[in-house]
C-alpha atoms as a PDB file:
ATOM      1  CA  UNK A   1     146.292 164.356 -44.474  1.00  0.00           C
ATOM      2  CA  UNK A   2     148.452 165.673 -47.300  1.00  0.00           C
ATOM      3  CA  UNK A   3     150.148 163.534 -49.925  1.00  0.00           C
ATOM      4  CA  UNK A   4     153.572 164.766 -50.939  1.00  0.00           C
ATOM      5  CA  UNK A   5     153.365 166.878 -54.077  1.00  0.00           C
ATOM      6  CA  UNK A   6     156.159 166.347 -56.569  1.00  0.00           C
ATOM      7  CA  UNK A   7     157.340 168.610 -59.374  1.00  0.00           C
ATOM      8  CA  UNK A   8     156.194 167.102 -62.652  1.00  0.00           C
ATOM      9  CA  UNK A   9     158.532 166.991 -65.663  1.00  0.00           C
ATOM     10  CA  UNK A  10     157.857 169.481 -68.435  1.00  0.00           C
ATOM     11  CA  UNK A  11     157.100 166.742 -70.938  1.00  0.00           C
ATOM     12  CA  UNK A  12     154.002 165.778 -68.943  1.00  0.00           C
ATOM     13  CA  UNK A  13     152.450 169.212 -68.708  1.00  0.00           C
ATOM     14  CA  UNK A  14     153.673 170.727 -71.980  1.00  0.00           C
ATOM     15  CA  UNK A  15     150.662 171.704 -74.076  1.00  0.00           C
ATOM     16  CA  UNK A  16     148.273 171.459 -71.144  1.00  0.00           C
ATOM     17  CA  UNK A  17     147.173 173.802 -68.412  1.00  0.00           C
ATOM     18  CA  UNK A  18     147.453 172.386 -64.927  1.00  0.00           C
ATOM     19  CA  UNK A  19     144.446 173.211 -62.770  1.00  0.00           C
ATOM     20  CA  UNK A  20     145.551 172.435 -59.240  1.00  0.00           C
ATOM     21  CA  UNK A  21     142.780 171.896 -56.710  1.00  0.00           C
ATOM     22  CA  UNK A  22     142.901 170.833 -53.067  1.00  0.00           C
ATOM     23  CA  UNK A  23     142.147 167.246 -54.051  1.00  0.00           C
ATOM     24  CA  UNK A  24     145.136 167.326 -56.423  1.00  0.00           C
ATOM     25  CA  UNK A  25     147.290 168.389 -53.498  1.00  0.00           C
ATOM     26  CA  UNK A  26     145.890 165.624 -51.309  1.00  0.00           C
ATOM     27  CA  UNK A  27     146.357 162.890 -53.919  1.00  0.00           C
ATOM     28  CA  UNK A  28     149.688 164.204 -55.197  1.00  0.00           C
ATOM     29  CA  UNK A  29     148.550 164.591 -58.806  1.00  0.00           C
ATOM     30  CA  UNK A  30     149.072 167.355 -61.334  1.00  0.00           C
ATOM     31  CA  UNK A  31     145.795 167.233 -63.257  1.00  0.00           C
ATOM     32  CA  UNK A  32     142.271 166.985 -61.751  1.00  0.00           C
ATOM     33  CA  UNK A  33     141.456 163.807 -63.685  1.00  0.00           C
ATOM     34  CA  UNK A  34     140.804 160.365 -62.195  1.00  0.00           C
ATOM     35  CA  UNK A  35     140.494 157.139 -64.162  1.00  0.00           C
ATOM     36  CA  UNK A  36     137.341 155.392 -62.986  1.00  0.00           C
ATOM     37  CA  UNK A  37     138.267 151.847 -61.871  1.00  0.00           C
ATOM     38  CA  UNK A  38     137.052 149.489 -64.594  1.00  0.00           C
ATOM     39  CA  UNK A  39     139.756 146.840 -65.041  1.00  0.00           C
ATOM     40  CA  UNK A  40     142.832 145.509 -63.246  1.00  0.00           C
ATOM     41  CA  UNK A  41     145.155 146.506 -66.096  1.00  0.00           C
ATOM     42  CA  UNK A  42     148.354 148.002 -64.607  1.00  0.00           C
ATOM     43  CA  UNK A  43     149.450 149.454 -67.944  1.00  0.00           C
ATOM     44  CA  UNK A  44     146.326 151.601 -68.286  1.00  0.00           C
ATOM     45  CA  UNK A  45     146.461 152.879 -64.701  1.00  0.00           C
ATOM     46  CA  UNK A  46     150.180 153.642 -64.994  1.00  0.00           C
ATOM     47  CA  UNK A  47     149.711 155.486 -68.293  1.00  0.00           C
ATOM     48  CA  UNK A  48     147.087 157.751 -66.740  1.00  0.00           C
ATOM     49  CA  UNK A  49     149.259 158.390 -63.681  1.00  0.00           C
ATOM     50  CA  UNK A  50     152.322 159.068 -65.835  1.00  0.00           C
ATOM     51  CA  UNK A  51     150.255 161.725 -67.637  1.00  0.00           C
ATOM     52  CA  UNK A  52     149.802 163.584 -64.350  1.00  0.00           C
ATOM     53  CA  UNK A  53     146.325 162.306 -63.457  1.00  0.00           C
ATOM     54  CA  UNK A  54     145.315 159.501 -61.077  1.00  0.00           C
ATOM     55  CA  UNK A  55     145.275 156.014 -62.535  1.00  0.00           C
ATOM     56  CA  UNK A  56     143.079 153.382 -60.891  1.00  0.00           C
ATOM     57  CA  UNK A  57     142.817 149.598 -60.960  1.00  0.00           C
ATOM     58  CA  UNK A  58     139.840 147.616 -59.807  1.00  0.00           C
ATOM     59  CA  UNK A  59     140.924 144.920 -57.349  1.00  0.00           C
ATOM     60  CA  UNK A  60     137.645 143.330 -56.302  1.00  0.00           C
ATOM     61  CA  UNK A  61     137.925 140.310 -58.612  1.00  0.00           C
ATOM     62  CA  UNK A  62     141.708 140.131 -59.059  1.00  0.00           C
ATOM     63  CA  UNK A  63     143.217 136.679 -58.534  1.00  0.00           C
ATOM     64  CA  UNK A  64     146.443 138.159 -57.138  1.00  0.00           C
ATOM     65  CA  UNK A  65     145.803 141.600 -55.691  1.00  0.00           C
ATOM     66  CA  UNK A  66     149.358 142.118 -54.510  1.00  0.00           C
ATOM     67  CA  UNK A  67     150.718 141.340 -57.961  1.00  0.00           C
ATOM     68  CA  UNK A  68     148.424 143.893 -59.622  1.00  0.00           C
ATOM     69  CA  UNK A  69     149.506 146.594 -57.166  1.00  0.00           C
ATOM     70  CA  UNK A  70     153.205 145.768 -57.466  1.00  0.00           C
ATOM     71  CA  UNK A  71     153.108 145.630 -61.265  1.00  0.00           C
ATOM     72  CA  UNK A  72     151.365 149.008 -61.420  1.00  0.00           C
ATOM     73  CA  UNK A  73     153.959 150.485 -59.055  1.00  0.00           C
ATOM     74  CA  UNK A  74     156.721 149.114 -61.272  1.00  0.00           C
ATOM     75  CA  UNK A  75     155.284 151.006 -64.250  1.00  0.00           C
ATOM     76  CA  UNK A  76     154.892 154.393 -62.564  1.00  0.00           C
ATOM     77  CA  UNK A  77     156.557 156.328 -59.773  1.00  0.00           C
ATOM     78  CA  UNK A  78     153.446 158.469 -59.442  1.00  0.00           C
ATOM     79  CA  UNK A  79     150.340 158.004 -57.284  1.00  0.00           C
ATOM     80  CA  UNK A  80     147.681 155.492 -58.332  1.00  0.00           C
ATOM     81  CA  UNK A  81     144.688 153.968 -56.600  1.00  0.00           C
ATOM     82  CA  UNK A  82     142.844 150.691 -56.230  1.00  0.00           C
ATOM     83  CA  UNK A  83     139.116 150.058 -55.883  1.00  0.00           C
ATOM     84  CA  UNK A  84     137.001 147.559 -53.964  1.00  0.00           C
ATOM     85  CA  UNK A  85     133.262 146.978 -54.374  1.00  0.00           C
ATOM     86  CA  UNK A  86     131.807 146.416 -50.920  1.00  0.00           C
ATOM     87  CA  UNK A  87     129.198 143.806 -51.824  1.00  0.00           C
ATOM     88  CA  UNK A  88     130.915 141.388 -49.426  1.00  0.00           C
ATOM     89  CA  UNK A  89     133.715 141.429 -46.846  1.00  0.00           C
ATOM     90  CA  UNK A  90     136.870 142.906 -48.377  1.00  0.00           C
ATOM     91  CA  UNK A  91     139.111 143.144 -45.298  1.00  0.00           C
ATOM     92  CA  UNK A  92     141.536 140.445 -46.352  1.00  0.00           C
ATOM     93  CA  UNK A  93     141.859 141.726 -49.957  1.00  0.00           C
ATOM     94  CA  UNK A  94     142.362 145.237 -48.590  1.00  0.00           C
ATOM     95  CA  UNK A  95     145.149 143.998 -46.311  1.00  0.00           C
ATOM     96  CA  UNK A  96     146.811 142.336 -49.297  1.00  0.00           C
ATOM     97  CA  UNK A  97     146.670 145.573 -51.273  1.00  0.00           C
ATOM     98  CA  UNK A  98     148.057 147.652 -48.411  1.00  0.00           C
ATOM     99  CA  UNK A  99     150.832 145.121 -47.807  1.00  0.00           C
ATOM    100  CA  UNK A 100     151.776 145.468 -51.483  1.00  0.00           C
ATOM    101  CA  UNK A 101     152.064 149.238 -51.080  1.00  0.00           C
ATOM    102  CA  UNK A 102     148.683 150.635 -52.172  1.00  0.00           C
ATOM    103  CA  UNK A 103     148.041 153.970 -50.458  1.00  0.00           C
ATOM    104  CA  UNK A 104     145.005 155.379 -52.283  1.00  0.00           C
ATOM    105  CA  UNK A 105     141.944 153.195 -51.837  1.00  0.00           C
ATOM    106  CA  UNK A 106     138.466 153.796 -53.222  1.00  0.00           C
ATOM    107  CA  UNK A 107     135.274 151.991 -52.298  1.00  0.00           C
ATOM    108  CA  UNK A 108     131.940 151.625 -54.079  1.00  0.00           C
ATOM    109  CA  UNK A 109     128.612 150.497 -52.626  1.00  0.00           C
ATOM    110  CA  UNK A 110     128.284 149.248 -49.063  1.00  0.00           C
ATOM    111  CA  UNK A 111     129.562 150.883 -45.885  1.00  0.00           C
ATOM    112  CA  UNK A 112     133.208 152.019 -45.958  1.00  0.00           C
ATOM    113  CA  UNK A 113     133.302 152.634 -42.204  1.00  0.00           C
ATOM    114  CA  UNK A 114     135.052 149.404 -41.248  1.00  0.00           C
ATOM    115  CA  UNK A 115     137.775 149.912 -43.842  1.00  0.00           C
ATOM    116  CA  UNK A 116     138.861 153.471 -43.105  1.00  0.00           C
ATOM    117  CA  UNK A 117     141.056 152.756 -40.068  1.00  0.00           C
ATOM    118  CA  UNK A 118     143.418 150.207 -41.691  1.00  0.00           C
ATOM    119  CA  UNK A 119     143.949 152.494 -44.693  1.00  0.00           C
ATOM    120  CA  UNK A 120     144.675 155.476 -42.454  1.00  0.00           C
ATOM    121  CA  UNK A 121     146.933 153.352 -40.265  1.00  0.00           C
ATOM    122  CA  UNK A 122     148.997 152.560 -43.363  1.00  0.00           C
ATOM    123  CA  UNK A 123     149.234 156.278 -44.158  1.00  0.00           C
ATOM    124  CA  UNK A 124     146.704 156.046 -46.965  1.00  0.00           C
ATOM    125  CA  UNK A 125     143.762 158.022 -48.325  1.00  0.00           C
ATOM    126  CA  UNK A 126     140.196 156.724 -48.531  1.00  0.00           C
ATOM    127  CA  UNK A 127     137.814 157.625 -51.353  1.00  0.00           C
ATOM    128  CA  UNK A 128     134.177 156.542 -51.511  1.00  0.00           C
ATOM    129  CA  UNK A 129     131.668 156.803 -54.347  1.00  0.00           C
ATOM    130  CA  UNK A 130     128.198 158.006 -53.400  1.00  0.00           C
ATOM    131  CA  UNK A 131     124.957 158.601 -55.246  1.00  0.00           C
ATOM    132  CA  UNK A 132     123.212 160.937 -52.818  1.00  0.00           C
ATOM    133  CA  UNK A 133     123.878 163.643 -50.242  1.00  0.00           C
ATOM    134  CA  UNK A 134     122.767 161.266 -47.492  1.00  0.00           C
ATOM    135  CA  UNK A 135     125.381 158.710 -48.535  1.00  0.00           C
ATOM    136  CA  UNK A 136     127.956 161.492 -48.528  1.00  0.00           C
ATOM    137  CA  UNK A 137     127.036 162.452 -44.961  1.00  0.00           C
ATOM    138  CA  UNK A 138     127.430 158.865 -43.783  1.00  0.00           C
ATOM    139  CA  UNK A 139     130.756 158.476 -45.580  1.00  0.00           C
ATOM    140  CA  UNK A 140     132.107 161.695 -44.078  1.00  0.00           C
ATOM    141  CA  UNK A 141     131.017 160.567 -40.617  1.00  0.00           C
ATOM    142  CA  UNK A 142     132.925 157.298 -41.103  1.00  0.00           C
ATOM    143  CA  UNK A 143     136.167 159.167 -41.798  1.00  0.00           C
ATOM    144  CA  UNK A 144     136.358 159.023 -45.610  1.00  0.00           C
ATOM    145  CA  UNK A 145     138.814 161.582 -47.014  1.00  0.00           C
ATOM    146  CA  UNK A 146     137.427 162.129 -50.517  1.00  0.00           C
ATOM    147  CA  UNK A 147     133.816 161.906 -51.663  1.00  0.00           C
ATOM    148  CA  UNK A 148     133.177 160.864 -55.273  1.00  0.00           C
ATOM    149  CA  UNK A 149     129.766 161.979 -56.525  1.00  0.00           C
ATOM    150  CA  UNK A 150     128.554 159.617 -59.246  1.00  0.00           C
ATOM    151  CA  UNK A 151     125.570 160.796 -61.269  1.00  0.00           C
ATOM    152  CA  UNK A 152     122.805 158.673 -62.770  1.00  0.00           C
ATOM    153  CA  UNK A 153     124.147 159.190 -66.304  1.00  0.00           C
ATOM    154  CA  UNK A 154     127.406 157.351 -65.565  1.00  0.00           C
ATOM    155  CA  UNK A 155     128.265 154.158 -67.404  1.00  0.00           C
ATOM    156  CA  UNK A 156     128.691 150.689 -65.943  1.00  0.00           C
ATOM    157  CA  UNK A 157     127.310 150.082 -62.474  1.00  0.00           C
ATOM    158  CA  UNK A 158     125.498 153.104 -61.085  1.00  0.00           C
ATOM    159  CA  UNK A 159     124.479 153.678 -57.499  1.00  0.00           C
ATOM    160  CA  UNK A 160     122.547 156.903 -58.043  1.00  0.00           C
ATOM    161  CA  UNK A 161     119.129 157.999 -59.246  1.00  0.00           C
ATOM    162  CA  UNK A 162     120.185 161.659 -59.440  1.00  0.00           C
ATOM    163  CA  UNK A 163     122.054 163.305 -62.324  1.00  0.00           C
ATOM    164  CA  UNK A 164     125.489 164.798 -61.723  1.00  0.00           C
ATOM    165  CA  UNK A 165     124.450 168.432 -62.136  1.00  0.00           C
ATOM    166  CA  UNK A 166     122.063 168.503 -59.139  1.00  0.00           C
ATOM    167  CA  UNK A 167     123.993 165.859 -57.180  1.00  0.00           C
ATOM    168  CA  UNK A 168     127.381 167.573 -56.949  1.00  0.00           C
ATOM    169  CA  UNK A 169     126.214 170.816 -55.288  1.00  0.00           C
ATOM    170  CA  UNK A 170     124.184 168.843 -52.753  1.00  0.00           C
ATOM    171  CA  UNK A 171     127.130 166.595 -51.907  1.00  0.00           C
ATOM    172  CA  UNK A 172     129.588 169.481 -51.731  1.00  0.00           C
ATOM    173  CA  UNK A 173     127.389 171.570 -49.454  1.00  0.00           C
ATOM    174  CA  UNK A 174     126.642 168.690 -47.115  1.00  0.00           C
ATOM    175  CA  UNK A 175     130.198 167.417 -47.007  1.00  0.00           C
ATOM    176  CA  UNK A 176     131.644 170.818 -46.222  1.00  0.00           C
ATOM    177  CA  UNK A 177     129.001 171.448 -43.622  1.00  0.00           C
ATOM    178  CA  UNK A 178     129.641 168.208 -41.745  1.00  0.00           C
ATOM    179  CA  UNK A 179     133.431 168.051 -41.843  1.00  0.00           C
ATOM    180  CA  UNK A 180     136.495 169.418 -43.601  1.00  0.00           C
ATOM    181  CA  UNK A 181     136.462 166.955 -46.475  1.00  0.00           C
ATOM    182  CA  UNK A 182     136.866 167.371 -50.167  1.00  0.00           C
ATOM    183  CA  UNK A 183     134.124 166.494 -52.629  1.00  0.00           C
ATOM    184  CA  UNK A 184     135.874 165.018 -55.642  1.00  0.00           C
ATOM    185  CA  UNK A 185     132.964 165.799 -57.915  1.00  0.00           C
ATOM    186  CA  UNK A 186     133.659 169.491 -57.385  1.00  0.00           C
ATOM    187  CA  UNK A 187     137.435 169.403 -57.619  1.00  0.00           C
ATOM    188  CA  UNK A 188     138.279 166.735 -60.177  1.00  0.00           C
ATOM    189  CA  UNK A 189     136.646 164.686 -62.912  1.00  0.00           C
ATOM    190  CA  UNK A 190     136.182 160.922 -62.485  1.00  0.00           C
ATOM    191  CA  UNK A 191     135.986 159.438 -65.980  1.00  0.00           C
ATOM    192  CA  UNK A 192     135.441 155.922 -67.246  1.00  0.00           C
ATOM    193  CA  UNK A 193     133.777 155.964 -70.661  1.00  0.00           C
ATOM    194  CA  UNK A 194     136.345 158.317 -72.154  1.00  0.00           C
ATOM    195  CA  UNK A 195     139.199 156.014 -71.130  1.00  0.00           C
ATOM    196  CA  UNK A 196     137.492 152.984 -72.680  1.00  0.00           C
ATOM    197  CA  UNK A 197     138.872 154.424 -75.933  1.00  0.00           C
ATOM    198  CA  UNK A 198     142.438 154.548 -74.624  1.00  0.00           C
ATOM    199  CA  UNK A 199     145.005 152.536 -76.561  1.00  0.00           C
ATOM    200  CA  UNK A 200     145.987 150.896 -73.280  1.00  0.00           C
ATOM    201  CA  UNK A 201     142.432 149.648 -72.643  1.00  0.00           C
ATOM    202  CA  UNK A 202     142.203 146.098 -74.077  1.00  0.00           C
ATOM    203  CA  UNK A 203     138.553 146.085 -75.115  1.00  0.00           C
ATOM    204  CA  UNK A 204     137.330 144.121 -78.124  1.00  0.00           C
ATOM    205  CA  UNK A 205     137.427 146.038 -81.414  1.00  0.00           C
ATOM    206  CA  UNK A 206     133.682 145.550 -81.904  1.00  0.00           C
ATOM    207  CA  UNK A 207     133.095 147.237 -78.545  1.00  0.00           C
ATOM    208  CA  UNK A 208     135.454 150.048 -79.534  1.00  0.00           C
ATOM    209  CA  UNK A 209     133.571 150.589 -82.801  1.00  0.00           C
ATOM    210  CA  UNK A 210     130.215 150.690 -81.003  1.00  0.00           C
ATOM    211  CA  UNK A 211     131.538 153.329 -78.602  1.00  0.00           C
ATOM    212  CA  UNK A 212     132.960 155.460 -81.411  1.00  0.00           C
ATOM    213  CA  UNK A 213     129.647 155.424 -83.264  1.00  0.00           C
ATOM    214  CA  UNK A 214     127.353 155.911 -80.248  1.00  0.00           C
ATOM    215  CA  UNK A 215     125.267 158.997 -79.510  1.00  0.00           C
ATOM    216  CA  UNK A 216     124.613 160.270 -76.006  1.00  0.00           C
ATOM    217  CA  UNK A 217     121.137 158.698 -76.116  1.00  0.00           C
ATOM    218  CA  UNK A 218     122.403 155.177 -76.882  1.00  0.00           C
ATOM    219  CA  UNK A 219     123.544 154.097 -73.383  1.00  0.00           C
ATOM    220  CA  UNK A 220     120.486 152.840 -71.510  1.00  0.00           C
ATOM    221  CA  UNK A 221     119.918 152.499 -67.761  1.00  0.00           C
ATOM    222  CA  UNK A 222     118.880 149.025 -66.606  1.00  0.00           C
ATOM    223  CA  UNK A 223     117.880 148.092 -63.048  1.00  0.00           C
ATOM    224  CA  UNK A 224     118.898 144.438 -63.311  1.00  0.00           C
ATOM    225  CA  UNK A 225     119.617 143.321 -66.879  1.00  0.00           C
ATOM    226  CA  UNK A 226     123.259 142.192 -66.597  1.00  0.00           C
ATOM    227  CA  UNK A 227     122.977 140.869 -63.066  1.00  0.00           C
ATOM    228  CA  UNK A 228     124.532 137.398 -63.338  1.00  0.00           C
ATOM    229  CA  UNK A 229     127.393 137.478 -60.845  1.00  0.00           C
ATOM    230  CA  UNK A 230     126.457 140.929 -59.535  1.00  0.00           C
ATOM    231  CA  UNK A 231     122.768 141.150 -58.533  1.00  0.00           C
ATOM    232  CA  UNK A 232     120.850 144.203 -57.337  1.00  0.00           C
ATOM    233  CA  UNK A 233     123.175 146.723 -58.961  1.00  0.00           C
ATOM    234  CA  UNK A 234     121.707 149.059 -61.611  1.00  0.00           C
ATOM    235  CA  UNK A 235     123.902 149.845 -64.578  1.00  0.00           C
ATOM    236  CA  UNK A 236     124.126 151.690 -67.901  1.00  0.00           C
ATOM    237  CA  UNK A 237     125.168 150.034 -71.154  1.00  0.00           C
ATOM    238  CA  UNK A 238     124.723 150.282 -74.911  1.00  0.00           C
ATOM    239  CA  UNK A 239     121.468 148.718 -76.087  1.00  0.00           C
ATOM    240  CA  UNK A 240     121.968 145.419 -77.931  1.00  0.00           C
ATOM    241  CA  UNK A 241     120.168 142.238 -78.970  1.00  0.00           C
ATOM    242  CA  UNK A 242     120.127 140.900 -75.405  1.00  0.00           C
ATOM    243  CA  UNK A 243     118.359 144.036 -74.172  1.00  0.00           C
ATOM    244  CA  UNK A 244     116.003 144.076 -77.163  1.00  0.00           C
ATOM    245  CA  UNK A 245     114.915 140.464 -76.620  1.00  0.00           C
ATOM    246  CA  UNK A 246     114.377 141.059 -72.898  1.00  0.00           C
ATOM    247  CA  UNK A 247     112.297 144.184 -73.576  1.00  0.00           C
ATOM    248  CA  UNK A 248     110.290 142.435 -76.299  1.00  0.00           C
ATOM    249  CA  UNK A 249     109.425 139.719 -73.770  1.00  0.00           C
ATOM    250  CA  UNK A 250     108.074 142.362 -71.391  1.00  0.00           C
ATOM    251  CA  UNK A 251     111.166 142.669 -69.143  1.00  0.00           C
ATOM    252  CA  UNK A 252     110.431 139.417 -67.256  1.00  0.00           C
ATOM    253  CA  UNK A 253     112.220 138.382 -64.037  1.00  0.00           C
ATOM    254  CA  UNK A 254     115.496 136.507 -64.111  1.00  0.00           C
ATOM    255  CA  UNK A 255     114.183 132.948 -64.378  1.00  0.00           C
ATOM    256  CA  UNK A 256     111.855 133.869 -67.268  1.00  0.00           C
ATOM    257  CA  UNK A 257     114.214 135.933 -69.401  1.00  0.00           C
ATOM    258  CA  UNK A 258     114.805 134.711 -72.967  1.00  0.00           C
ATOM    259  CA  UNK A 259     118.075 132.833 -73.263  1.00  0.00           C
ATOM    260  CA  UNK A 260     118.782 132.668 -69.541  1.00  0.00           C
ATOM    261  CA  UNK A 261     121.761 130.410 -68.898  1.00  0.00           C
ATOM    262  CA  UNK A 262     122.832 130.282 -72.548  1.00  0.00           C
ATOM    263  CA  UNK A 263     126.592 130.429 -73.104  1.00  0.00           C
ATOM    264  CA  UNK A 264     127.045 133.171 -75.706  1.00  0.00           C
ATOM    265  CA  UNK A 265     130.775 133.889 -75.572  1.00  0.00           C
ATOM    266  CA  UNK A 266     134.101 132.939 -74.036  1.00  0.00           C
ATOM    267  CA  UNK A 267     136.866 134.991 -72.488  1.00  0.00           C
ATOM    268  CA  UNK A 268     140.397 134.694 -73.840  1.00  0.00           C
ATOM    269  CA  UNK A 269     141.057 132.267 -70.969  1.00  0.00           C
ATOM    270  CA  UNK A 270     138.298 130.000 -72.269  1.00  0.00           C
ATOM    271  CA  UNK A 271     135.914 130.819 -69.416  1.00  0.00           C
ATOM    272  CA  UNK A 272     132.287 130.835 -70.545  1.00  0.00           C
ATOM    273  CA  UNK A 273     130.147 133.979 -70.498  1.00  0.00           C
ATOM    274  CA  UNK A 274     126.416 133.422 -70.150  1.00  0.00           C
ATOM    275  CA  UNK A 275     123.729 135.775 -71.350  1.00  0.00           C
ATOM    276  CA  UNK A 276     122.940 138.556 -68.830  1.00  0.00           C
ATOM    277  CA  UNK A 277     126.397 138.299 -67.266  1.00  0.00           C
ATOM    278  CA  UNK A 278     128.181 141.571 -66.576  1.00  0.00           C
ATOM    279  CA  UNK A 279     131.265 140.696 -68.595  1.00  0.00           C
ATOM    280  CA  UNK A 280     132.171 143.251 -71.275  1.00  0.00           C
ATOM    281  CA  UNK A 281     133.994 142.010 -74.400  1.00  0.00           C
ATOM    282  CA  UNK A 282     137.764 142.329 -74.093  1.00  0.00           C
ATOM    283  CA  UNK A 283     140.583 141.452 -76.473  1.00  0.00           C
ATOM    284  CA  UNK A 284     140.485 137.699 -77.028  1.00  0.00           C
ATOM    285  CA  UNK A 285     136.767 137.349 -76.240  1.00  0.00           C
ATOM    286  CA  UNK A 286     135.036 135.135 -78.810  1.00  0.00           C
ATOM    287  CA  UNK A 287     131.401 134.420 -79.594  1.00  0.00           C
ATOM    288  CA  UNK A 288     128.382 136.713 -79.846  1.00  0.00           C
ATOM    289  CA  UNK A 289     130.216 139.943 -79.002  1.00  0.00           C
ATOM    290  CA  UNK A 290     127.266 142.201 -79.821  1.00  0.00           C
ATOM    291  CA  UNK A 291     125.095 140.500 -77.194  1.00  0.00           C
ATOM    292  CA  UNK A 292     127.506 141.164 -74.306  1.00  0.00           C
ATOM    293  CA  UNK A 293     127.339 144.010 -71.794  1.00  0.00           C
ATOM    294  CA  UNK A 294     128.995 147.052 -73.314  1.00  0.00           C
ATOM    295  CA  UNK A 295     129.194 149.574 -70.490  1.00  0.00           C
ATOM    296  CA  UNK A 296     128.973 153.248 -71.463  1.00  0.00           C
ATOM    297  CA  UNK A 297     127.891 156.533 -69.932  1.00  0.00           C
ATOM    298  CA  UNK A 298     125.915 159.315 -71.576  1.00  0.00           C
ATOM    299  CA  UNK A 299     129.165 161.148 -72.274  1.00  0.00           C
ATOM    300  CA  UNK A 300     129.984 158.458 -74.839  1.00  0.00           C
ATOM    301  CA  UNK A 301     129.459 160.962 -77.657  1.00  0.00           C
ATOM    302  CA  UNK A 302     132.738 162.568 -76.571  1.00  0.00           C
ATOM    303  CA  UNK A 303     134.645 159.303 -77.056  1.00  0.00           C
ATOM    304  CA  UNK A 304     135.102 159.368 -80.800  1.00  0.00           C
ATOM    305  CA  UNK A 305     138.615 158.068 -81.423  1.00  0.00           C
ATOM    306  CA  UNK A 306     141.266 155.809 -79.978  1.00  0.00           C
ATOM    307  CA  UNK A 307     144.027 157.790 -78.277  1.00  0.00           C
ATOM    308  CA  UNK A 308     146.774 157.117 -75.786  1.00  0.00           C
ATOM    309  CA  UNK A 309     145.806 157.677 -72.162  1.00  0.00           C
ATOM    310  CA  UNK A 310     148.307 160.541 -72.040  1.00  0.00           C
ATOM    311  CA  UNK A 311     146.669 162.238 -75.022  1.00  0.00           C
ATOM    312  CA  UNK A 312     143.233 161.859 -73.434  1.00  0.00           C
ATOM    313  CA  UNK A 313     144.437 163.525 -70.232  1.00  0.00           C
ATOM    314  CA  UNK A 314     146.096 166.302 -72.243  1.00  0.00           C
ATOM    315  CA  UNK A 315     142.954 166.866 -74.298  1.00  0.00           C
ATOM    316  CA  UNK A 316     140.737 166.957 -71.227  1.00  0.00           C
ATOM    317  CA  UNK A 317     142.924 169.503 -69.478  1.00  0.00           C
ATOM    318  CA  UNK A 318     143.892 171.724 -72.418  1.00  0.00           C
ATOM    319  CA  UNK A 319     142.544 175.204 -72.830  1.00  0.00           C
ATOM    320  CA  UNK A 320     142.119 176.450 -76.383  1.00  0.00           C
END
């Protein structure tokens, strides 16, 4: 399946060097950069796509999936994708996204097999994030078009126990040996932490300052710390007072953790955030910001300043 490749205006690629790979051809993008799906913010996804890369929105928890897709499409004429976390049945939300015009769909966790056919029937492309070569083999067998290899050092929720460097060659070799698929980890970069510092990303300023000051050793891997609302999903985040108190108590189970059930902050909407909930601080969040989950990968040391999404893409793809 080949997505139509368009000729990008000079203003997008001026000052950068386009590195076209087969996955760029498939997705219809100019630069081998993909925004990891972190929020359902159309403006951020559109800004990345308008810069020649692939913008993504997460749709798993969106109240109006169709509206998110349509708003993103109204902000960019270029390809963009949407993501679903397969911790429960997502067939109806997927149908809503496809009906709204989404044609690049990525999945994380779970089995993508039952979702491939409707995406292909709509003329779309299926991407799936894996954390091992075995997962890659299963995804390829189910008909997935693009394999995303996520290493253990990634920020946010992590499904791997293997670092990117050894993981990518294993996934690439297995994927190519089983079927003619493209391993995204070998042909494009899937970045989340770097785009947390984008001007279009509405994170709280305290979160932004923590990211800018962080070293690569600051993000810590936790098997189940911020598991309220999303259990059994390891993750990586900046260490804070919540983590310190939990560790000082001997890393007890959920019902014995210090401060369990305490409301420590509120979203801009007024919705309460309890301690150990996987809700990062965004613009408008009030309360104990420092104690909230601040997702970050070990590449955080490269995220030193706030820039536009377009400037981030240009910087990532420039050759000095």
